[in-house]
Amino acid sequence: MELIGIVQEVKETEVLGQKGFKKRSLIIQTKEEYPQDISVDFVQAKVDLLDSIKQGDTVTVMINIRGNKWTNPKGETKYFTSIQGWKINKTYVGKKSTEV
């Protein structure tokens, strides 16, 4: 799947847990009749893909939607959904996209 939009923010890389799991979030606003602000997470080696991305860039982001099931100690089941980016291209009006 892909999302096309304008970069609103590129967050700093977070290092989580004792094993050093890396995560970096990108906020894009979709280009449609009713624009949506979407947070896309890039993890581990993919965090570096955001180094050349700046606020205001128009981008195409290739994504996977991830879902997780978790049961708490009370036996209640909860579901979590995340959007994970794995490729990003800057998009230029009237020109071909460039892979980052």
Protein backbone atom coordinates (compact mmCIF):
# COMPACT_ATOMS: atom_id res chain seq x y z
CA MET A 1 0.00 0.00 0.00
CA GLU A 2 1.05 3.58 -0.37
CA LEU A 3 0.27 6.99 1.11
CA ILE A 4 0.86 10.23 -0.76
CA GLY A 5 1.00 13.47 1.16
CA ILE A 6 2.84 16.49 2.43
CA VAL A 7 5.30 16.07 5.30
CA GLN A 8 4.09 17.88 8.41
CA GLU A 9 6.85 16.67 10.75
CA VAL A 10 9.81 14.30 10.92
CA LYS A 11 10.39 13.14 14.49
CA GLU A 12 13.75 12.33 16.03
CA THR A 13 14.84 8.70 16.31
CA GLU A 14 13.81 7.02 19.56
CA VAL A 15 15.80 4.15 21.04
CA LEU A 16 13.52 1.88 23.05
CA GLY A 17 14.25 -0.95 25.46
CA GLN A 18 17.47 -2.57 26.52
CA LYS A 19 18.11 -4.08 23.09
CA GLY A 20 18.15 -0.68 21.37
CA PHE A 21 15.03 -0.98 19.17
CA LYS A 22 14.97 2.14 16.94
CA LYS A 23 11.81 3.93 15.82
CA ARG A 24 11.25 7.22 13.97
CA SER A 25 7.87 8.71 13.06
CA LEU A 26 6.84 10.74 10.04
CA ILE A 27 3.61 12.76 10.04
CA ILE A 28 2.10 13.34 6.60
CA GLN A 29 -1.09 15.04 5.52
CA THR A 30 -2.81 13.13 2.74
CA LYS A 31 -3.75 14.84 -0.52
CA GLU A 32 -7.47 14.14 -0.87
CA GLU A 33 -10.82 15.91 -0.50
CA TYR A 34 -10.71 15.48 3.29
CA PRO A 35 -6.98 15.48 4.19
CA GLN A 36 -5.89 13.26 7.06
CA ASP A 37 -2.82 13.61 9.28
CA ILE A 38 -1.23 10.16 9.39
CA SER A 39 1.66 8.99 11.58
CA VAL A 40 3.92 6.44 9.89
CA ASP A 41 6.61 4.62 11.89
CA PHE A 42 9.95 3.61 10.41
CA VAL A 43 11.86 1.06 12.47
CA GLN A 44 15.40 -0.28 12.84
CA ALA A 45 17.50 0.28 9.66
CA LYS A 46 14.59 2.07 7.95
CA VAL A 47 14.86 5.11 10.29
CA ASP A 48 17.72 6.38 8.11
CA LEU A 49 15.34 6.73 5.13
CA LEU A 50 13.97 9.88 6.78
CA ASP A 51 17.33 11.69 6.99
CA SER A 52 16.78 13.67 3.77
CA ILE A 53 13.02 14.23 4.26
CA LYS A 54 11.97 17.73 5.34
CA GLN A 55 8.76 19.44 6.42
CA GLY A 56 6.83 20.54 3.32
CA ASP A 57 8.16 17.77 1.05
CA THR A 58 5.57 15.90 -0.97
CA VAL A 59 6.22 12.17 -0.56
CA THR A 60 4.96 8.74 -1.50
CA VAL A 61 5.37 6.28 1.37
CA MET A 62 5.13 2.53 0.91
CA ILE A 63 3.49 1.08 4.04
CA ASN A 64 2.45 -2.09 5.79
CA ILE A 65 -0.40 -2.11 8.28
CA ARG A 66 0.49 -4.11 11.38
CA GLY A 67 -1.91 -5.47 13.98
CA ASN A 68 -1.24 -6.89 17.42
CA LYS A 69 -3.44 -8.69 19.92
CA TRP A 70 -2.72 -8.32 23.64
CA THR A 71 -4.49 -9.85 26.62
CA ASN A 72 -4.01 -8.04 29.93
CA PRO A 73 -3.77 -9.76 33.32
CA LYS A 74 -7.55 -9.35 33.81
CA GLY A 75 -8.14 -11.42 30.67
CA GLU A 76 -9.31 -8.46 28.57
CA THR A 77 -8.17 -8.59 24.96
CA LYS A 78 -7.10 -5.41 23.19
CA TYR A 79 -6.02 -4.85 19.60
CA PHE A 80 -3.45 -2.35 18.39
CA THR A 81 -2.86 -1.18 14.84
CA SER A 82 0.23 0.58 13.50
CA ILE A 83 1.35 1.86 10.12
CA GLN A 84 4.93 0.99 9.26
CA GLY A 85 6.85 2.59 6.40
CA TRP A 86 9.46 0.65 4.45
CA LYS A 87 10.19 2.91 1.46
CA ILE A 88 9.77 6.63 0.76
CA ASN A 89 10.08 8.70 -2.41
CA LYS A 90 10.07 12.46 -2.78
CA THR A 91 7.46 13.43 -5.34
CA TYR A 92 7.96 16.41 -7.62
CA VAL A 93 5.14 17.99 -9.60
CA GLY A 94 5.76 17.43 -13.30
CA LYS A 95 8.83 15.27 -12.65
CA LYS A 96 9.50 11.66 -11.83
CA SER A 97 9.69 10.66 -8.14
CA THR A 98 13.10 10.02 -6.66
CA GLU A 99 13.79 7.17 -4.30
CA VAL A 100 15.40 8.07 -1.00
